[in-house]
Amino acid sequence: MTISEEAGVFDPRKCAHRSPIQVGDKWSGAVLRCLQDGPHRFTELKARLRGVNPKVLTETLRAMERDHWLTRTDHGGNPPHVEYALTEVGGSLIGVLDTACTWAREHHGD
């Protein structure tokens, strides 16, 4: 599961068949990938994740926060400024995703 280098967008239609494992729900792995390089706001995540609707993204983020994979930081202000960032536990899943993706690339034709 990778994010397009050019556009910085995750498109499940291009990657879903390559993932031999699922981490969390359908969108959790993609959110992990989006946050691996640093925190993002909700609207930034939504823009990068093609095909996810706001309700599903909100549910995914809440579940990931509950599981201690990410933190939600409210900076206040008007409009609200909320950022999501990986925790140490969430960051440790990146290696798992990398391993699964490497395996999938090597065995794609099998």
N, C-alpha and C. Protein backbone atom coordinates (compact mmCIF):
# COMPACT_ATOMS: atom_id res chain seq x y z
N MET A 1 0.85 -1.16 0.00
CA MET A 1 0.00 0.00 0.00
C MET A 1 0.90 1.23 0.00
N THR A 2 0.92 1.93 -1.09
CA THR A 2 1.77 3.09 -1.19
C THR A 2 0.99 4.30 -1.62
N ILE A 3 1.56 5.43 -1.38
CA ILE A 3 0.98 6.69 -1.82
C ILE A 3 1.73 7.12 -3.06
N SER A 4 1.00 7.54 -4.06
CA SER A 4 1.59 7.95 -5.32
C SER A 4 2.65 9.02 -5.08
N GLU A 5 3.82 8.79 -5.62
CA GLU A 5 4.93 9.74 -5.47
C GLU A 5 4.58 11.10 -6.07
N GLU A 6 3.95 11.09 -7.25
CA GLU A 6 3.68 12.34 -7.96
C GLU A 6 2.64 13.20 -7.25
N ALA A 7 1.52 12.59 -6.93
CA ALA A 7 0.40 13.37 -6.43
C ALA A 7 0.28 13.33 -4.91
N GLY A 8 0.99 12.41 -4.25
CA GLY A 8 0.85 12.29 -2.81
C GLY A 8 -0.53 11.81 -2.43
N VAL A 9 -1.14 10.99 -3.32
CA VAL A 9 -2.51 10.54 -3.11
C VAL A 9 -2.55 9.03 -3.05
N PHE A 10 -3.30 8.49 -2.10
CA PHE A 10 -3.51 7.06 -1.99
C PHE A 10 -4.78 6.72 -2.76
N ASP A 11 -4.66 5.83 -3.72
CA ASP A 11 -5.80 5.40 -4.51
C ASP A 11 -6.00 3.91 -4.29
N PRO A 12 -7.03 3.50 -3.54
CA PRO A 12 -7.21 2.09 -3.22
C PRO A 12 -7.43 1.22 -4.44
N ARG A 13 -7.90 1.79 -5.53
CA ARG A 13 -8.12 1.00 -6.74
C ARG A 13 -6.81 0.51 -7.33
N LYS A 14 -5.72 1.21 -7.06
CA LYS A 14 -4.42 0.83 -7.61
C LYS A 14 -3.64 -0.09 -6.68
N CYS A 15 -3.94 -0.08 -5.39
CA CYS A 15 -3.09 -0.79 -4.43
C CYS A 15 -3.80 -1.89 -3.65
N ALA A 16 -5.11 -1.87 -3.60
CA ALA A 16 -5.82 -2.79 -2.70
C ALA A 16 -5.47 -4.26 -2.97
N HIS A 17 -5.31 -4.64 -4.23
CA HIS A 17 -5.03 -6.03 -4.56
C HIS A 17 -3.62 -6.45 -4.16
N ARG A 18 -2.76 -5.52 -3.85
CA ARG A 18 -1.36 -5.83 -3.54
C ARG A 18 -1.11 -6.07 -2.05
N SER A 19 -2.04 -5.72 -1.21
CA SER A 19 -1.81 -5.81 0.22
C SER A 19 -2.17 -7.20 0.74
N PRO A 20 -1.18 -7.98 1.20
CA PRO A 20 -1.45 -9.33 1.68
C PRO A 20 -2.02 -9.36 3.10
N ILE A 21 -1.94 -8.24 3.79
CA ILE A 21 -2.49 -8.16 5.14
C ILE A 21 -3.31 -6.88 5.25
N GLN A 22 -4.17 -6.86 6.25
CA GLN A 22 -4.92 -5.64 6.53
C GLN A 22 -4.59 -5.22 7.96
N VAL A 23 -4.21 -3.98 8.12
CA VAL A 23 -3.91 -3.42 9.43
C VAL A 23 -5.08 -2.53 9.81
N GLY A 24 -5.81 -2.90 10.86
CA GLY A 24 -6.98 -2.13 11.24
C GLY A 24 -8.09 -2.29 10.22
N ASP A 25 -8.84 -1.21 9.99
CA ASP A 25 -9.92 -1.26 9.01
C ASP A 25 -9.39 -0.97 7.61
N LYS A 26 -10.28 -0.83 6.67
CA LYS A 26 -9.89 -0.64 5.27
C LYS A 26 -8.94 0.54 5.08
N TRP A 27 -9.10 1.63 5.84
CA TRP A 27 -8.36 2.86 5.61
C TRP A 27 -7.18 3.06 6.56
N SER A 28 -7.05 2.24 7.59
CA SER A 28 -6.01 2.46 8.60
C SER A 28 -4.60 2.43 8.02
N GLY A 29 -4.32 1.46 7.16
CA GLY A 29 -2.99 1.38 6.55
C GLY A 29 -2.67 2.61 5.74
N ALA A 30 -3.66 3.11 5.00
CA ALA A 30 -3.45 4.31 4.19
C ALA A 30 -3.22 5.52 5.07
N VAL A 31 -3.95 5.63 6.18
CA VAL A 31 -3.74 6.74 7.11
C VAL A 31 -2.35 6.66 7.72
N LEU A 32 -1.91 5.46 8.08
CA LEU A 32 -0.55 5.29 8.60
C LEU A 32 0.47 5.81 7.60
N ARG A 33 0.30 5.44 6.33
CA ARG A 33 1.21 5.90 5.29
C ARG A 33 1.19 7.42 5.16
N CYS A 34 0.01 8.00 5.23
CA CYS A 34 -0.10 9.47 5.11
C CYS A 34 0.62 10.17 6.24
N LEU A 35 0.58 9.58 7.43
CA LEU A 35 1.16 10.23 8.61
C LEU A 35 2.61 9.83 8.88
N GLN A 36 3.16 8.94 8.09
CA GLN A 36 4.52 8.45 8.38
C GLN A 36 5.58 9.55 8.29
N ASP A 37 5.31 10.59 7.52
CA ASP A 37 6.29 11.68 7.39
C ASP A 37 5.97 12.89 8.25
N GLY A 38 4.95 12.80 9.08
CA GLY A 38 4.63 13.91 9.97
C GLY A 38 3.14 14.14 10.09
N PRO A 39 2.76 15.05 10.99
CA PRO A 39 1.34 15.29 11.26
C PRO A 39 0.61 15.94 10.08
N HIS A 40 -0.69 15.68 10.03
CA HIS A 40 -1.56 16.27 9.01
C HIS A 40 -2.90 16.63 9.62
N ARG A 41 -3.52 17.61 9.02
CA ARG A 41 -4.88 17.99 9.40
C ARG A 41 -5.87 17.08 8.69
N PHE A 42 -7.11 17.06 9.18
CA PHE A 42 -8.16 16.22 8.62
C PHE A 42 -8.33 16.48 7.13
N THR A 43 -8.40 17.75 6.75
CA THR A 43 -8.63 18.08 5.34
C THR A 43 -7.47 17.62 4.46
N GLU A 44 -6.26 17.64 4.98
CA GLU A 44 -5.11 17.15 4.22
C GLU A 44 -5.21 15.64 4.02
N LEU A 45 -5.61 14.93 5.08
CA LEU A 45 -5.78 13.48 4.97
C LEU A 45 -6.88 13.15 3.97
N LYS A 46 -7.99 13.84 4.07
CA LYS A 46 -9.12 13.62 3.17
C LYS A 46 -8.71 13.81 1.71
N ALA A 47 -7.93 14.85 1.45
CA ALA A 47 -7.49 15.13 0.08
C ALA A 47 -6.57 14.04 -0.46
N ARG A 48 -5.77 13.45 0.40
CA ARG A 48 -4.81 12.43 -0.04
C ARG A 48 -5.43 11.04 -0.17
N LEU A 49 -6.57 10.82 0.47
CA LEU A 49 -7.19 9.49 0.48
C LEU A 49 -8.40 9.48 -0.44
N ARG A 50 -8.18 9.15 -1.68
CA ARG A 50 -9.27 9.10 -2.67
C ARG A 50 -10.28 8.03 -2.29
N GLY A 51 -11.54 8.40 -2.33
CA GLY A 51 -12.59 7.42 -2.13
C GLY A 51 -13.11 7.32 -0.71
N VAL A 52 -12.45 7.94 0.25
CA VAL A 52 -12.96 7.88 1.63
C VAL A 52 -13.88 9.06 1.86
N ASN A 53 -15.02 8.80 2.52
CA ASN A 53 -15.90 9.93 2.84
C ASN A 53 -15.57 10.43 4.24
N PRO A 54 -15.98 11.65 4.57
CA PRO A 54 -15.61 12.23 5.87
C PRO A 54 -16.04 11.40 7.07
N LYS A 55 -17.23 10.79 7.00
CA LYS A 55 -17.71 9.99 8.12
C LYS A 55 -16.79 8.79 8.37
N VAL A 56 -16.43 8.10 7.31
CA VAL A 56 -15.57 6.92 7.44
C VAL A 56 -14.17 7.33 7.91
N LEU A 57 -13.64 8.43 7.40
CA LEU A 57 -12.33 8.90 7.84
C LEU A 57 -12.37 9.26 9.32
N THR A 58 -13.42 9.93 9.74
CA THR A 58 -13.57 10.28 11.16
C THR A 58 -13.60 9.03 12.02
N GLU A 59 -14.37 8.03 11.61
CA GLU A 59 -14.45 6.77 12.37
C GLU A 59 -13.09 6.08 12.42
N THR A 60 -12.39 6.08 11.31
CA THR A 60 -11.06 5.46 11.26
C THR A 60 -10.09 6.17 12.20
N LEU A 61 -10.07 7.50 12.14
CA LEU A 61 -9.18 8.27 13.00
C LEU A 61 -9.50 8.05 14.47
N ARG A 62 -10.78 8.01 14.81
CA ARG A 62 -11.17 7.76 16.22
C ARG A 62 -10.72 6.38 16.69
N ALA A 63 -10.90 5.37 15.82
CA ALA A 63 -10.48 4.01 16.19
C ALA A 63 -8.97 3.95 16.35
N MET A 64 -8.24 4.60 15.46
CA MET A 64 -6.78 4.60 15.55
C MET A 64 -6.30 5.35 16.80
N GLU A 65 -7.00 6.41 17.17
CA GLU A 65 -6.66 7.13 18.40
C GLU A 65 -6.96 6.25 19.61
N ARG A 66 -8.09 5.57 19.59
CA ARG A 66 -8.47 4.67 20.69
C ARG A 66 -7.44 3.56 20.87
N ASP A 67 -6.88 3.07 19.72
CA ASP A 67 -5.89 2.00 19.77
C ASP A 67 -4.47 2.50 20.00
N HIS A 68 -4.33 3.81 20.22
CA HIS A 68 -3.04 4.46 20.51
C HIS A 68 -2.08 4.42 19.33
N TRP A 69 -2.62 4.42 18.10
CA TRP A 69 -1.80 4.46 16.90
C TRP A 69 -1.51 5.89 16.49
N LEU A 70 -2.36 6.81 16.90
CA LEU A 70 -2.14 8.22 16.57
C LEU A 70 -2.66 9.10 17.68
N THR A 71 -2.21 10.35 17.64
CA THR A 71 -2.70 11.34 18.59
C THR A 71 -3.46 12.41 17.83
N ARG A 72 -4.41 12.99 18.50
CA ARG A 72 -5.19 14.09 17.95
C ARG A 72 -4.90 15.30 18.81
N THR A 73 -4.33 16.34 18.19
CA THR A 73 -3.98 17.54 18.93
C THR A 73 -4.83 18.69 18.44
N ASP A 74 -5.62 19.26 19.36
CA ASP A 74 -6.48 20.39 19.03
C ASP A 74 -5.74 21.67 19.41
N HIS A 75 -5.39 22.46 18.41
CA HIS A 75 -4.67 23.70 18.63
C HIS A 75 -5.61 24.88 18.85
N GLY A 76 -6.91 24.61 18.88
CA GLY A 76 -7.90 25.66 19.08
C GLY A 76 -8.00 26.57 17.87
N GLY A 77 -8.56 27.72 18.08
CA GLY A 77 -8.67 28.70 17.01
C GLY A 77 -9.99 28.59 16.27
N ASN A 78 -10.20 29.56 15.42
CA ASN A 78 -11.40 29.60 14.61
C ASN A 78 -10.99 29.90 13.18
N PRO A 79 -11.09 28.99 12.24
CA PRO A 79 -11.67 27.65 12.37
C PRO A 79 -10.77 26.73 13.18
N PRO A 80 -11.36 25.62 13.65
CA PRO A 80 -10.58 24.68 14.47
C PRO A 80 -9.34 24.18 13.73
N HIS A 81 -8.27 24.01 14.49
CA HIS A 81 -7.01 23.51 13.93
C HIS A 81 -6.66 22.23 14.69
N VAL A 82 -6.94 21.09 14.07
CA VAL A 82 -6.67 19.78 14.69
C VAL A 82 -5.67 19.04 13.81
N GLU A 83 -4.66 18.47 14.45
CA GLU A 83 -3.66 17.70 13.72
C GLU A 83 -3.62 16.27 14.26
N TYR A 84 -3.33 15.36 13.35
CA TYR A 84 -3.17 13.95 13.69
C TYR A 84 -1.72 13.57 13.44
N ALA A 85 -1.14 12.80 14.37
CA ALA A 85 0.25 12.37 14.24
C ALA A 85 0.37 10.95 14.78
N LEU A 86 1.30 10.19 14.22
CA LEU A 86 1.53 8.83 14.69
C LEU A 86 2.17 8.83 16.07
N THR A 87 1.77 7.86 16.87
CA THR A 87 2.43 7.61 18.15
C THR A 87 3.59 6.65 17.87
N GLU A 88 4.34 6.32 18.88
CA GLU A 88 5.42 5.35 18.72
C GLU A 88 4.85 3.99 18.29
N VAL A 89 3.71 3.62 18.86
CA VAL A 89 3.06 2.36 18.49
C VAL A 89 2.62 2.39 17.03
N GLY A 90 1.99 3.48 16.61
CA GLY A 90 1.56 3.62 15.22
C GLY A 90 2.74 3.60 14.26
N GLY A 91 3.79 4.29 14.63
CA GLY A 91 4.99 4.32 13.80
C GLY A 91 5.63 2.95 13.65
N SER A 92 5.49 2.11 14.67
CA SER A 92 6.08 0.78 14.61
C SER A 92 5.37 -0.11 13.59
N LEU A 93 4.17 0.27 13.18
CA LEU A 93 3.43 -0.50 12.16
C LEU A 93 3.94 -0.23 10.74
N ILE A 94 4.68 0.85 10.55
CA ILE A 94 5.20 1.18 9.22
C ILE A 94 6.11 0.06 8.72
N GLY A 95 6.94 -0.46 9.57
CA GLY A 95 7.82 -1.57 9.20
C GLY A 95 7.04 -2.81 8.79
N VAL A 96 5.94 -3.07 9.48
CA VAL A 96 5.08 -4.20 9.15
C VAL A 96 4.50 -4.00 7.75
N LEU A 97 4.01 -2.79 7.48
CA LEU A 97 3.46 -2.49 6.16
C LEU A 97 4.54 -2.61 5.08
N ASP A 98 5.73 -2.10 5.36
CA ASP A 98 6.83 -2.20 4.39
C ASP A 98 7.13 -3.65 4.05
N THR A 99 7.20 -4.49 5.06
CA THR A 99 7.49 -5.91 4.86
C THR A 99 6.40 -6.57 4.02
N ALA A 100 5.14 -6.29 4.35
CA ALA A 100 4.03 -6.87 3.61
C ALA A 100 4.03 -6.41 2.16
N CYS A 101 4.31 -5.13 1.93
CA CYS A 101 4.34 -4.60 0.57
C CYS A 101 5.50 -5.19 -0.24
N THR A 102 6.65 -5.37 0.39
CA THR A 102 7.78 -5.99 -0.29
C THR A 102 7.43 -7.42 -0.69
N TRP A 103 6.84 -8.15 0.23
CA TRP A 103 6.43 -9.51 -0.06
C TRP A 103 5.44 -9.53 -1.23
N ALA A 104 4.46 -8.63 -1.21
CA ALA A 104 3.45 -8.59 -2.25
C ALA A 104 4.06 -8.27 -3.61
N ARG A 105 5.01 -7.33 -3.65
CA ARG A 105 5.68 -7.00 -4.92
C ARG A 105 6.44 -8.20 -5.46
N GLU A 106 7.12 -8.92 -4.58
CA GLU A 106 7.92 -10.07 -5.01
C GLU A 106 7.06 -11.24 -5.49
N HIS A 107 5.82 -11.34 -4.99
CA HIS A 107 4.96 -12.47 -5.32
C HIS A 107 3.72 -12.07 -6.09
N HIS A 108 3.74 -10.90 -6.67
CA HIS A 108 2.56 -10.38 -7.37
C HIS A 108 2.08 -11.31 -8.48
N GLY A 109 2.99 -11.88 -9.24
CA GLY A 109 2.60 -12.74 -10.35
C GLY A 109 2.30 -14.18 -9.95
N ASP A 110 2.58 -14.54 -8.71
CA ASP A 110 2.42 -15.95 -8.27
C ASP A 110 0.98 -16.29 -8.12
